[in-house]
PDB file of all heavy atoms in Angstrom:
ATOM      1  N   GLY A   1     -15.767  11.323   0.410  1.00  0.00           N
ATOM      2  CA  GLY A   1     -16.694  10.509  -0.382  1.00  0.00           C
ATOM      3  C   GLY A   1     -17.269  11.282  -1.559  1.00  0.00           C
ATOM      4  O   GLY A   1     -17.405  10.739  -2.661  1.00  0.00           O
ATOM      5  N   ASP A   2     -17.587  12.563  -1.349  1.00  0.00           N
ATOM      6  CA  ASP A   2     -18.085  13.400  -2.451  1.00  0.00           C
ATOM      7  C   ASP A   2     -17.041  13.540  -3.556  1.00  0.00           C
ATOM      8  O   ASP A   2     -17.364  13.480  -4.745  1.00  0.00           O
ATOM      9  CB  ASP A   2     -18.484  14.785  -1.950  1.00  0.00           C
ATOM     10  CG  ASP A   2     -19.744  14.775  -1.108  1.00  0.00           C
ATOM     11  OD1 ASP A   2     -20.477  13.756  -1.127  1.00  0.00           O
ATOM     12  OD2 ASP A   2     -20.000  15.789  -0.413  1.00  0.00           O
ATOM     13  N   GLU A   3     -15.791  13.725  -3.158  1.00  0.00           N
ATOM     14  CA  GLU A   3     -14.716  13.836  -4.149  1.00  0.00           C
ATOM     15  C   GLU A   3     -14.519  12.520  -4.903  1.00  0.00           C
ATOM     16  O   GLU A   3     -14.277  12.519  -6.109  1.00  0.00           O
ATOM     17  CB  GLU A   3     -13.410  14.269  -3.476  1.00  0.00           C
ATOM     18  CG  GLU A   3     -13.411  15.695  -2.993  1.00  0.00           C
ATOM     19  CD  GLU A   3     -13.511  16.700  -4.134  1.00  0.00           C
ATOM     20  OE1 GLU A   3     -12.682  16.660  -5.053  1.00  0.00           O
ATOM     21  OE2 GLU A   3     -14.429  17.538  -4.094  1.00  0.00           O
ATOM     22  N   VAL A   4     -14.619  11.413  -4.198  1.00  0.00           N
ATOM     23  CA  VAL A   4     -14.479  10.111  -4.849  1.00  0.00           C
ATOM     24  C   VAL A   4     -15.594   9.918  -5.874  1.00  0.00           C
ATOM     25  O   VAL A   4     -15.363   9.440  -6.988  1.00  0.00           O
ATOM     26  CB  VAL A   4     -14.463   8.954  -3.822  1.00  0.00           C
ATOM     27  CG1 VAL A   4     -14.552   7.601  -4.514  1.00  0.00           C
ATOM     28  CG2 VAL A   4     -13.207   9.021  -2.969  1.00  0.00           C
ATOM     29  N   LYS A   5     -16.806  10.326  -5.517  1.00  0.00           N
ATOM     30  CA  LYS A   5     -17.927  10.210  -6.461  1.00  0.00           C
ATOM     31  C   LYS A   5     -17.686  11.051  -7.711  1.00  0.00           C
ATOM     32  O   LYS A   5     -17.956  10.606  -8.825  1.00  0.00           O
ATOM     33  CB  LYS A   5     -19.237  10.629  -5.794  1.00  0.00           C
ATOM     34  CG  LYS A   5     -19.757   9.626  -4.805  1.00  0.00           C
ATOM     35  CD  LYS A   5     -21.005  10.148  -4.127  1.00  0.00           C
ATOM     36  CE  LYS A   5     -21.374   9.278  -2.941  1.00  0.00           C
ATOM     37  NZ  LYS A   5     -22.472   9.848  -2.166  1.00  0.00           N
ATOM     38  N   ARG A   6     -17.177  12.274  -7.524  1.00  0.00           N
ATOM     39  CA  ARG A   6     -16.851  13.116  -8.686  1.00  0.00           C
ATOM     40  C   ARG A   6     -15.806  12.446  -9.561  1.00  0.00           C
ATOM     41  O   ARG A   6     -15.898  12.446 -10.789  1.00  0.00           O
ATOM     42  CB  ARG A   6     -16.319  14.475  -8.230  1.00  0.00           C
ATOM     43  CG  ARG A   6     -17.380  15.402  -7.702  1.00  0.00           C
ATOM     44  CD  ARG A   6     -16.839  16.771  -7.352  1.00  0.00           C
ATOM     45  NE  ARG A   6     -16.183  17.382  -8.489  1.00  0.00           N
ATOM     46  CZ  ARG A   6     -15.122  18.189  -8.392  1.00  0.00           C
ATOM     47  NH1 ARG A   6     -14.602  18.466  -7.219  1.00  0.00           N
ATOM     48  NH2 ARG A   6     -14.588  18.728  -9.463  1.00  0.00           N
ATOM     49  N   MET A   7     -14.786  11.880  -8.915  1.00  0.00           N
ATOM     50  CA  MET A   7     -13.714  11.215  -9.640  1.00  0.00           C
ATOM     51  C   MET A   7     -14.248  10.011 -10.410  1.00  0.00           C
ATOM     52  O   MET A   7     -13.909   9.801 -11.575  1.00  0.00           O
ATOM     53  CB  MET A   7     -12.627  10.792  -8.645  1.00  0.00           C
ATOM     54  CG  MET A   7     -11.378  10.260  -9.271  1.00  0.00           C
ATOM     55  SD  MET A   7     -10.076   9.963  -8.043  1.00  0.00           S
ATOM     56  CE  MET A   7     -10.841   8.764  -6.974  1.00  0.00           C
ATOM     57  N   GLN A   8     -15.125   9.228  -9.781  1.00  0.00           N
ATOM     58  CA  GLN A   8     -15.696   8.055 -10.439  1.00  0.00           C
ATOM     59  C   GLN A   8     -16.596   8.466 -11.603  1.00  0.00           C
ATOM     60  O   GLN A   8     -16.620   7.789 -12.628  1.00  0.00           O
ATOM     61  CB  GLN A   8     -16.481   7.208  -9.445  1.00  0.00           C
ATOM     62  CG  GLN A   8     -15.590   6.457  -8.489  1.00  0.00           C
ATOM     63  CD  GLN A   8     -16.394   5.632  -7.507  1.00  0.00           C
ATOM     64  OE1 GLN A   8     -17.311   6.139  -6.871  1.00  0.00           O
ATOM     65  NE2 GLN A   8     -16.052   4.377  -7.394  1.00  0.00           N
ATOM     66  N   PHE A   9     -17.333   9.563 -11.458  1.00  0.00           N
ATOM     67  CA  PHE A   9     -18.169  10.039 -12.549  1.00  0.00           C
ATOM     68  C   PHE A   9     -17.315  10.397 -13.758  1.00  0.00           C
ATOM     69  O   PHE A   9     -17.619  10.016 -14.888  1.00  0.00           O
ATOM     70  CB  PHE A   9     -19.000  11.252 -12.118  1.00  0.00           C
ATOM     71  CG  PHE A   9     -19.772  11.863 -13.248  1.00  0.00           C
ATOM     72  CD1 PHE A   9     -20.919  11.248 -13.715  1.00  0.00           C
ATOM     73  CD2 PHE A   9     -19.336  13.017 -13.862  1.00  0.00           C
ATOM     74  CE1 PHE A   9     -21.627  11.781 -14.783  1.00  0.00           C
ATOM     75  CE2 PHE A   9     -20.026  13.573 -14.920  1.00  0.00           C
ATOM     76  CZ  PHE A   9     -21.178  12.949 -15.388  1.00  0.00           C
ATOM     77  N   LEU A  10     -16.227  11.137 -13.529  1.00  0.00           N
ATOM     78  CA  LEU A  10     -15.335  11.479 -14.632  1.00  0.00           C
ATOM     79  C   LEU A  10     -14.700  10.236 -15.239  1.00  0.00           C
ATOM     80  O   LEU A  10     -14.555  10.137 -16.457  1.00  0.00           O
ATOM     81  CB  LEU A  10     -14.238  12.436 -14.163  1.00  0.00           C
ATOM     82  CG  LEU A  10     -14.662  13.868 -13.928  1.00  0.00           C
ATOM     83  CD1 LEU A  10     -13.544  14.654 -13.250  1.00  0.00           C
ATOM     84  CD2 LEU A  10     -15.058  14.531 -15.233  1.00  0.00           C
ATOM     85  N   ALA A  11     -14.337   9.277 -14.400  1.00  0.00           N
ATOM     86  CA  ALA A  11     -13.730   8.044 -14.898  1.00  0.00           C
ATOM     87  C   ALA A  11     -14.702   7.260 -15.772  1.00  0.00           C
ATOM     88  O   ALA A  11     -14.293   6.575 -16.712  1.00  0.00           O
ATOM     89  CB  ALA A  11     -13.244   7.184 -13.737  1.00  0.00           C
ATOM     90  N   SER A  12     -15.989   7.383 -15.486  1.00  0.00           N
ATOM     91  CA  SER A  12     -16.988   6.650 -16.282  1.00  0.00           C
ATOM     92  C   SER A  12     -17.082   7.188 -17.711  1.00  0.00           C
ATOM     93  O   SER A  12     -17.615   6.516 -18.587  1.00  0.00           O
ATOM     94  CB  SER A  12     -18.360   6.695 -15.604  1.00  0.00           C
ATOM     95  OG  SER A  12     -18.925   7.991 -15.699  1.00  0.00           O
ATOM     96  N   THR A  13     -16.560   8.392 -17.950  1.00  0.00           N
ATOM     97  CA  THR A  13     -16.595   8.960 -19.294  1.00  0.00           C
ATOM     98  C   THR A  13     -15.395   8.524 -20.136  1.00  0.00           C
ATOM     99  O   THR A  13     -15.383   8.746 -21.343  1.00  0.00           O
ATOM    100  CB  THR A  13     -16.623  10.507 -19.257  1.00  0.00           C
ATOM    101  OG1 THR A  13     -15.397  10.988 -18.704  1.00  0.00           O
ATOM    102  CG2 THR A  13     -17.805  11.005 -18.447  1.00  0.00           C
ATOM    103  N   LEU A  14     -14.389   7.918 -19.504  1.00  0.00           N
ATOM    104  CA  LEU A  14     -13.193   7.486 -20.225  1.00  0.00           C
ATOM    105  C   LEU A  14     -13.417   6.149 -20.912  1.00  0.00           C
ATOM    106  O   LEU A  14     -14.233   5.342 -20.463  1.00  0.00           O
ATOM    107  CB  LEU A  14     -12.008   7.348 -19.262  1.00  0.00           C
ATOM    108  CG  LEU A  14     -11.575   8.592 -18.499  1.00  0.00           C
ATOM    109  CD1 LEU A  14     -10.421   8.237 -17.574  1.00  0.00           C
ATOM    110  CD2 LEU A  14     -11.187   9.702 -19.438  1.00  0.00           C
ATOM    111  N   THR A  15     -12.648   5.912 -21.945  1.00  0.00           N
ATOM    112  CA  THR A  15     -12.679   4.591 -22.568  1.00  0.00           C
ATOM    113  C   THR A  15     -11.977   3.609 -21.637  1.00  0.00           C
ATOM    114  O   THR A  15     -11.158   4.009 -20.795  1.00  0.00           O
ATOM    115  CB  THR A  15     -11.949   4.602 -23.923  1.00  0.00           C
ATOM    116  OG1 THR A  15     -10.570   4.929 -23.699  1.00  0.00           O
ATOM    117  CG2 THR A  15     -12.571   5.593 -24.896  1.00  0.00           C
ATOM    118  N   GLN A  16     -12.266   2.346 -21.784  1.00  0.00           N
ATOM    119  CA  GLN A  16     -11.646   1.328 -20.931  1.00  0.00           C
ATOM    120  C   GLN A  16     -10.126   1.328 -21.111  1.00  0.00           C
ATOM    121  O   GLN A  16      -9.378   1.208 -20.150  1.00  0.00           O
ATOM    122  CB  GLN A  16     -12.221  -0.059 -21.226  1.00  0.00           C
ATOM    123  CG  GLN A  16     -11.805  -1.119 -20.234  1.00  0.00           C
ATOM    124  CD  GLN A  16     -12.260  -0.804 -18.817  1.00  0.00           C
ATOM    125  OE1 GLN A  16     -13.400  -0.413 -18.604  1.00  0.00           O
ATOM    126  NE2 GLN A  16     -11.396  -0.975 -17.847  1.00  0.00           N
ATOM    127  N   GLU A  17      -9.680   1.497 -22.334  1.00  0.00           N
ATOM    128  CA  GLU A  17      -8.238   1.530 -22.613  1.00  0.00           C
ATOM    129  C   GLU A  17      -7.567   2.691 -21.881  1.00  0.00           C
ATOM    130  O   GLU A  17      -6.506   2.539 -21.286  1.00  0.00           O
ATOM    131  CB  GLU A  17      -8.000   1.658 -24.117  1.00  0.00           C
ATOM    132  CG  GLU A  17      -6.550   1.731 -24.489  1.00  0.00           C
ATOM    133  CD  GLU A  17      -6.333   1.910 -25.974  1.00  0.00           C
ATOM    134  OE1 GLU A  17      -7.309   1.862 -26.745  1.00  0.00           O
ATOM    135  OE2 GLU A  17      -5.170   2.112 -26.344  1.00  0.00           O
ATOM    136  N   SER A  18      -8.202   3.844 -21.936  1.00  0.00           N
ATOM    137  CA  SER A  18      -7.660   5.016 -21.265  1.00  0.00           C
ATOM    138  C   SER A  18      -7.664   4.833 -19.753  1.00  0.00           C
ATOM    139  O   SER A  18      -6.714   5.213 -19.061  1.00  0.00           O
ATOM    140  CB  SER A  18      -8.486   6.245 -21.658  1.00  0.00           C
ATOM    141  OG  SER A  18      -7.912   7.411 -21.173  1.00  0.00           O
ATOM    142  N   LEU A  19      -8.705   4.231 -19.229  1.00  0.00           N
ATOM    143  CA  LEU A  19      -8.818   3.991 -17.791  1.00  0.00           C
ATOM    144  C   LEU A  19      -7.782   2.980 -17.305  1.00  0.00           C
ATOM    145  O   LEU A  19      -7.219   3.127 -16.221  1.00  0.00           O
ATOM    146  CB  LEU A  19     -10.227   3.502 -17.468  1.00  0.00           C
ATOM    147  CG  LEU A  19     -10.674   3.531 -16.024  1.00  0.00           C
ATOM    148  CD1 LEU A  19     -10.563   4.924 -15.437  1.00  0.00           C
ATOM    149  CD2 LEU A  19     -12.090   3.021 -15.916  1.00  0.00           C
ATOM    150  N   ASN A  20      -7.505   1.979 -18.129  1.00  0.00           N
ATOM    151  CA  ASN A  20      -6.556   0.932 -17.748  1.00  0.00           C
ATOM    152  C   ASN A  20      -5.130   1.447 -17.602  1.00  0.00           C
ATOM    153  O   ASN A  20      -4.316   0.824 -16.911  1.00  0.00           O
ATOM    154  CB  ASN A  20      -6.577  -0.208 -18.754  1.00  0.00           C
ATOM    155  CG  ASN A  20      -7.841  -1.042 -18.651  1.00  0.00           C
ATOM    156  OD1 ASN A  20      -8.560  -0.978 -17.663  1.00  0.00           O
ATOM    157  ND2 ASN A  20      -8.126  -1.800 -19.684  1.00  0.00           N
ATOM    158  N   CYS A  21      -4.814   2.550 -18.258  1.00  0.00           N
ATOM    159  CA  CYS A  21      -3.446   3.075 -18.166  1.00  0.00           C
ATOM    160  C   CYS A  21      -3.394   4.411 -17.423  1.00  0.00           C
ATOM    161  O   CYS A  21      -2.447   5.169 -17.562  1.00  0.00           O
ATOM    162  CB  CYS A  21      -2.810   3.169 -19.539  1.00  0.00           C
ATOM    163  SG  CYS A  21      -3.650   4.255 -20.665  1.00  0.00           S
ATOM    164  N   LEU A  22      -4.418   4.676 -16.621  1.00  0.00           N
ATOM    165  CA  LEU A  22      -4.466   5.920 -15.849  1.00  0.00           C
ATOM    166  C   LEU A  22      -3.774   5.723 -14.501  1.00  0.00           C
ATOM    167  O   LEU A  22      -4.154   4.868 -13.710  1.00  0.00           O
ATOM    168  CB  LEU A  22      -5.921   6.347 -15.629  1.00  0.00           C
ATOM    169  CG  LEU A  22      -6.150   7.571 -14.753  1.00  0.00           C
ATOM    170  CD1 LEU A  22      -5.468   8.810 -15.347  1.00  0.00           C
ATOM    171  CD2 LEU A  22      -7.637   7.817 -14.584  1.00  0.00           C
ATOM    172  N   TYR A  23      -2.744   6.510 -14.284  1.00  0.00           N
ATOM    173  CA  TYR A  23      -2.017   6.471 -13.019  1.00  0.00           C
ATOM    174  C   TYR A  23      -2.328   7.722 -12.216  1.00  0.00           C
ATOM    175  O   TYR A  23      -2.411   8.814 -12.769  1.00  0.00           O
ATOM    176  CB  TYR A  23      -0.500   6.406 -13.261  1.00  0.00           C
ATOM    177  CG  TYR A  23      -0.034   5.048 -13.694  1.00  0.00           C
ATOM    178  CD1 TYR A  23      -0.068   4.676 -15.035  1.00  0.00           C
ATOM    179  CD2 TYR A  23       0.433   4.128 -12.771  1.00  0.00           C
ATOM    180  CE1 TYR A  23       0.353   3.429 -15.441  1.00  0.00           C
ATOM    181  CE2 TYR A  23       0.867   2.868 -13.167  1.00  0.00           C
ATOM    182  CZ  TYR A  23       0.823   2.531 -14.506  1.00  0.00           C
ATOM    183  OH  TYR A  23       1.236   1.291 -14.903  1.00  0.00           O
ATOM    184  N   VAL A  24      -2.513   7.553 -10.918  1.00  0.00           N
ATOM    185  CA  VAL A  24      -2.718   8.672  -9.999  1.00  0.00           C
ATOM    186  C   VAL A  24      -1.694   8.548  -8.881  1.00  0.00           C
ATOM    187  O   VAL A  24      -1.094   7.489  -8.691  1.00  0.00           O
ATOM    188  CB  VAL A  24      -4.156   8.700  -9.430  1.00  0.00           C
ATOM    189  CG1 VAL A  24      -5.176   8.900 -10.532  1.00  0.00           C
ATOM    190  CG2 VAL A  24      -4.468   7.445  -8.649  1.00  0.00           C
ATOM    191  N   LYS A  25      -1.489   9.622  -8.137  1.00  0.00           N
ATOM    192  CA  LYS A  25      -0.516   9.582  -7.045  1.00  0.00           C
ATOM    193  C   LYS A  25      -1.192   9.237  -5.732  1.00  0.00           C
ATOM    194  O   LYS A  25      -2.241   9.772  -5.395  1.00  0.00           O
ATOM    195  CB  LYS A  25       0.188  10.928  -6.921  1.00  0.00           C
ATOM    196  CG  LYS A  25       1.207  11.141  -8.004  1.00  0.00           C
ATOM    197  CD  LYS A  25       2.085  12.311  -7.681  1.00  0.00           C
ATOM    198  CE  LYS A  25       3.151  12.421  -8.755  1.00  0.00           C
ATOM    199  NZ  LYS A  25       4.063  13.511  -8.484  1.00  0.00           N
ATOM    200  N   HIS A  26      -0.558   8.322  -5.018  1.00  0.00           N
ATOM    201  CA  HIS A  26      -1.000   7.934  -3.679  1.00  0.00           C
ATOM    202  C   HIS A  26       0.245   7.799  -2.818  1.00  0.00           C
ATOM    203  O   HIS A  26       1.146   7.032  -3.147  1.00  0.00           O
ATOM    204  CB  HIS A  26      -1.769   6.610  -3.732  1.00  0.00           C
ATOM    205  CG  HIS A  26      -2.174   6.089  -2.398  1.00  0.00           C
ATOM    206  ND1 HIS A  26      -2.965   6.795  -1.521  1.00  0.00           N
ATOM    207  CD2 HIS A  26      -1.867   4.928  -1.771  1.00  0.00           C
ATOM    208  CE1 HIS A  26      -3.136   6.085  -0.422  1.00  0.00           C
ATOM    209  NE2 HIS A  26      -2.479   4.954  -0.545  1.00  0.00           N
ATOM    210  N   ASN A  27       0.292   8.576  -1.746  1.00  0.00           N
ATOM    211  CA  ASN A  27       1.469   8.601  -0.861  1.00  0.00           C
ATOM    212  C   ASN A  27       2.754   8.877  -1.637  1.00  0.00           C
ATOM    213  O   ASN A  27       3.791   8.284  -1.370  1.00  0.00           O
ATOM    214  CB  ASN A  27       1.596   7.296  -0.078  1.00  0.00           C
ATOM    215  CG  ASN A  27       0.522   7.131   0.947  1.00  0.00           C
ATOM    216  OD1 ASN A  27      -0.012   8.106   1.476  1.00  0.00           O
ATOM    217  ND2 ASN A  27       0.167   5.894   1.241  1.00  0.00           N
ATOM    218  N   GLY A  28       2.665   9.747  -2.651  1.00  0.00           N
ATOM    219  CA  GLY A  28       3.840  10.120  -3.428  1.00  0.00           C
ATOM    220  C   GLY A  28       4.226   9.132  -4.514  1.00  0.00           C
ATOM    221  O   GLY A  28       5.182   9.376  -5.242  1.00  0.00           O
ATOM    222  N   GLN A  29       3.515   8.037  -4.622  1.00  0.00           N
ATOM    223  CA  GLN A  29       3.816   7.005  -5.618  1.00  0.00           C
ATOM    224  C   GLN A  29       2.738   7.004  -6.688  1.00  0.00           C
ATOM    225  O   GLN A  29       1.564   7.200  -6.378  1.00  0.00           O
ATOM    226  CB  GLN A  29       3.847   5.613  -4.960  1.00  0.00           C
ATOM    227  CG  GLN A  29       4.817   5.468  -3.836  1.00  0.00           C
ATOM    228  CD  GLN A  29       6.210   5.182  -4.334  1.00  0.00           C
ATOM    229  OE1 GLN A  29       6.382   4.659  -5.419  1.00  0.00           O
ATOM    230  NE2 GLN A  29       7.205   5.533  -3.540  1.00  0.00           N
ATOM    231  N   LYS A  30       3.118   6.744  -7.936  1.00  0.00           N
ATOM    232  CA  LYS A  30       2.121   6.594  -8.988  1.00  0.00           C
ATOM    233  C   LYS A  30       1.582   5.169  -8.954  1.00  0.00           C
ATOM    234  O   LYS A  30       2.355   4.204  -8.972  1.00  0.00           O
ATOM    235  CB  LYS A  30       2.739   6.860 -10.360  1.00  0.00           C
ATOM    236  CG  LYS A  30       2.976   8.314 -10.642  1.00  0.00           C
ATOM    237  CD  LYS A  30       3.449   8.511 -12.066  1.00  0.00           C
ATOM    238  CE  LYS A  30       3.552   9.969 -12.385  1.00  0.00           C
ATOM    239  NZ  LYS A  30       3.964  10.175 -13.786  1.00  0.00           N
ATOM    240  N   ILE A  31       0.254   5.058  -8.861  1.00  0.00           N
ATOM    241  CA  ILE A  31      -0.389   3.744  -8.891  1.00  0.00           C
ATOM    242  C   ILE A  31      -1.552   3.801  -9.875  1.00  0.00           C
ATOM    243  O   ILE A  31      -2.044   4.878 -10.213  1.00  0.00           O
ATOM    244  CB  ILE A  31      -0.879   3.296  -7.494  1.00  0.00           C
ATOM    245  CG1 ILE A  31      -1.973   4.233  -6.972  1.00  0.00           C
ATOM    246  CG2 ILE A  31       0.270   3.196  -6.510  1.00  0.00           C
ATOM    247  CD1 ILE A  31      -2.662   3.720  -5.710  1.00  0.00           C
ATOM    248  N   LEU A  32      -1.980   2.646 -10.324  1.00  0.00           N
ATOM    249  CA  LEU A  32      -3.106   2.588 -11.239  1.00  0.00           C
ATOM    250  C   LEU A  32      -4.377   3.081 -10.559  1.00  0.00           C
ATOM    251  O   LEU A  32      -4.573   2.879  -9.356  1.00  0.00           O
ATOM    252  CB  LEU A  32      -3.326   1.162 -11.739  1.00  0.00           C
ATOM    253  CG  LEU A  32      -2.345   0.681 -12.800  1.00  0.00           C
ATOM    254  CD1 LEU A  32      -2.520  -0.822 -13.039  1.00  0.00           C
ATOM    255  CD2 LEU A  32      -2.540   1.434 -14.101  1.00  0.00           C
ATOM    256  N   TYR A  33      -5.239   3.699 -11.326  1.00  0.00           N
ATOM    257  CA  TYR A  33      -6.500   4.234 -10.817  1.00  0.00           C
ATOM    258  C   TYR A  33      -7.294   3.156 -10.070  1.00  0.00           C
ATOM    259  O   TYR A  33      -7.823   3.406  -8.989  1.00  0.00           O
ATOM    260  CB  TYR A  33      -7.316   4.813 -11.978  1.00  0.00           C
ATOM    261  CG  TYR A  33      -8.713   5.200 -11.594  1.00  0.00           C
ATOM    262  CD1 TYR A  33      -8.965   6.392 -10.926  1.00  0.00           C
ATOM    263  CD2 TYR A  33      -9.793   4.375 -11.902  1.00  0.00           C
ATOM    264  CE1 TYR A  33     -10.252   6.755 -10.567  1.00  0.00           C
ATOM    265  CE2 TYR A  33     -11.084   4.729 -11.545  1.00  0.00           C
ATOM    266  CZ  TYR A  33     -11.308   5.911 -10.883  1.00  0.00           C
ATOM    267  OH  TYR A  33     -12.582   6.260 -10.519  1.00  0.00           O
ATOM    268  N   GLY A  34      -7.374   1.963 -10.630  1.00  0.00           N
ATOM    269  CA  GLY A  34      -8.117   0.869  -9.997  1.00  0.00           C
ATOM    270  C   GLY A  34      -7.572   0.524  -8.618  1.00  0.00           C
ATOM    271  O   GLY A  34      -8.339   0.261  -7.682  1.00  0.00           O
ATOM    272  N   SER A  35      -6.261   0.544  -8.472  1.00  0.00           N
ATOM    273  CA  SER A  35      -5.641   0.284  -7.166  1.00  0.00           C
ATOM    274  C   SER A  35      -5.962   1.400  -6.182  1.00  0.00           C
ATOM    275  O   SER A  35      -6.168   1.155  -4.989  1.00  0.00           O
ATOM    276  CB  SER A  35      -4.126   0.155  -7.310  1.00  0.00           C
ATOM    277  OG  SER A  35      -3.795  -0.935  -8.131  1.00  0.00           O
ATOM    278  N   PHE A  36      -6.017   2.623  -6.678  1.00  0.00           N
ATOM    279  CA  PHE A  36      -6.350   3.760  -5.831  1.00  0.00           C
ATOM    280  C   PHE A  36      -7.776   3.644  -5.309  1.00  0.00           C
ATOM    281  O   PHE A  36      -8.043   3.888  -4.131  1.00  0.00           O
ATOM    282  CB  PHE A  36      -6.164   5.063  -6.625  1.00  0.00           C
ATOM    283  CG  PHE A  36      -6.394   6.296  -5.811  1.00  0.00           C
ATOM    284  CD1 PHE A  36      -5.498   6.686  -4.830  1.00  0.00           C
ATOM    285  CD2 PHE A  36      -7.513   7.077  -6.032  1.00  0.00           C
ATOM    286  CE1 PHE A  36      -5.706   7.835  -4.083  1.00  0.00           C
ATOM    287  CE2 PHE A  36      -7.731   8.231  -5.287  1.00  0.00           C
ATOM    288  CZ  PHE A  36      -6.827   8.600  -4.313  1.00  0.00           C
ATOM    289  N   ILE A  37      -8.688   3.243  -6.170  1.00  0.00           N
ATOM    290  CA  ILE A  37     -10.080   3.057  -5.756  1.00  0.00           C
ATOM    291  C   ILE A  37     -10.172   1.944  -4.711  1.00  0.00           C
ATOM    292  O   ILE A  37     -10.918   2.067  -3.731  1.00  0.00           O
ATOM    293  CB  ILE A  37     -10.983   2.759  -6.971  1.00  0.00           C
ATOM    294  CG1 ILE A  37     -11.092   3.991  -7.862  1.00  0.00           C
ATOM    295  CG2 ILE A  37     -12.365   2.286  -6.553  1.00  0.00           C
ATOM    296  CD1 ILE A  37     -11.758   5.188  -7.193  1.00  0.00           C
ATOM    297  N   LYS A  38      -9.392   0.875  -4.873  1.00  0.00           N
ATOM    298  CA  LYS A  38      -9.379  -0.198  -3.867  1.00  0.00           C
ATOM    299  C   LYS A  38      -8.874   0.319  -2.526  1.00  0.00           C
ATOM    300  O   LYS A  38      -9.390  -0.059  -1.476  1.00  0.00           O
ATOM    301  CB  LYS A  38      -8.522  -1.369  -4.348  1.00  0.00           C
ATOM    302  CG  LYS A  38      -9.179  -2.195  -5.414  1.00  0.00           C
ATOM    303  CD  LYS A  38      -8.313  -3.355  -5.825  1.00  0.00           C
ATOM    304  CE  LYS A  38      -8.965  -4.103  -6.979  1.00  0.00           C
ATOM    305  NZ  LYS A  38      -8.098  -5.170  -7.483  1.00  0.00           N
ATOM    306  N   THR A  39      -7.889   1.191  -2.559  1.00  0.00           N
ATOM    307  CA  THR A  39      -7.373   1.796  -1.325  1.00  0.00           C
ATOM    308  C   THR A  39      -8.458   2.615  -0.636  1.00  0.00           C
ATOM    309  O   THR A  39      -8.626   2.543   0.582  1.00  0.00           O
ATOM    310  CB  THR A  39      -6.149   2.680  -1.637  1.00  0.00           C
ATOM    311  OG1 THR A  39      -5.136   1.873  -2.241  1.00  0.00           O
ATOM    312  CG2 THR A  39      -5.615   3.347  -0.391  1.00  0.00           C
ATOM    313  N   ALA A  40      -9.206   3.387  -1.427  1.00  0.00           N
ATOM    314  CA  ALA A  40     -10.301   4.179  -0.864  1.00  0.00           C
ATOM    315  C   ALA A  40     -11.369   3.265  -0.272  1.00  0.00           C
ATOM    316  O   ALA A  40     -11.924   3.549   0.794  1.00  0.00           O
ATOM    317  CB  ALA A  40     -10.900   5.083  -1.935  1.00  0.00           C
ATOM    318  N   GLN A  41     -11.645   2.163  -0.939  1.00  0.00           N
ATOM    319  CA  GLN A  41     -12.640   1.209  -0.440  1.00  0.00           C
ATOM    320  C   GLN A  41     -12.172   0.585   0.880  1.00  0.00           C
ATOM    321  O   GLN A  41     -12.968   0.431   1.811  1.00  0.00           O
ATOM    322  CB  GLN A  41     -12.894   0.119  -1.474  1.00  0.00           C
ATOM    323  CG  GLN A  41     -13.982  -0.848  -1.078  1.00  0.00           C
ATOM    324  CD  GLN A  41     -14.242  -1.897  -2.144  1.00  0.00           C
ATOM    325  OE1 GLN A  41     -13.390  -2.182  -2.967  1.00  0.00           O
ATOM    326  NE2 GLN A  41     -15.418  -2.476  -2.117  1.00  0.00           N
ATOM    327  N   GLU A  42     -10.891   0.259   0.964  1.00  0.00           N
ATOM    328  CA  GLU A  42     -10.350  -0.310   2.201  1.00  0.00           C
ATOM    329  C   GLU A  42     -10.451   0.694   3.355  1.00  0.00           C
ATOM    330  O   GLU A  42     -10.788   0.321   4.484  1.00  0.00           O
ATOM    331  CB  GLU A  42      -8.895  -0.736   1.995  1.00  0.00           C
ATOM    332  CG  GLU A  42      -8.749  -1.946   1.096  1.00  0.00           C
ATOM    333  CD  GLU A  42      -7.310  -2.184   0.643  1.00  0.00           C
ATOM    334  OE1 GLU A  42      -6.396  -1.408   1.035  1.00  0.00           O
ATOM    335  OE2 GLU A  42      -7.109  -3.136  -0.120  1.00  0.00           O
ATOM    336  N   THR A  43     -10.172   1.954   3.080  1.00  0.00           N
ATOM    337  CA  THR A  43     -10.307   2.988   4.109  1.00  0.00           C
ATOM    338  C   THR A  43     -11.758   3.108   4.553  1.00  0.00           C
ATOM    339  O   THR A  43     -12.049   3.224   5.742  1.00  0.00           O
ATOM    340  CB  THR A  43      -9.787   4.344   3.591  1.00  0.00           C
ATOM    341  OG1 THR A  43      -8.412   4.210   3.234  1.00  0.00           O
ATOM    342  CG2 THR A  43      -9.941   5.427   4.642  1.00  0.00           C
ATOM    343  N   SER A  44     -12.672   3.028   3.592  1.00  0.00           N
ATOM    344  CA  SER A  44     -14.096   3.084   3.912  1.00  0.00           C
ATOM    345  C   SER A  44     -14.493   1.922   4.819  1.00  0.00           C
ATOM    346  O   SER A  44     -15.227   2.105   5.793  1.00  0.00           O
ATOM    347  CB  SER A  44     -14.917   3.057   2.626  1.00  0.00           C
ATOM    348  OG  SER A  44     -16.282   3.182   2.903  1.00  0.00           O
TER     349      SER A  44
END
């Protein structure tokens, strides 16, 4: 949860355009940042 908060804080500094095209890796696959956050929320 602490790491997620750090990640969200950094994401809040990005422009919306930059955030919309940000891909991160989840289970070896590249997914959109927003989808990754939804995955974290589902785990929570």
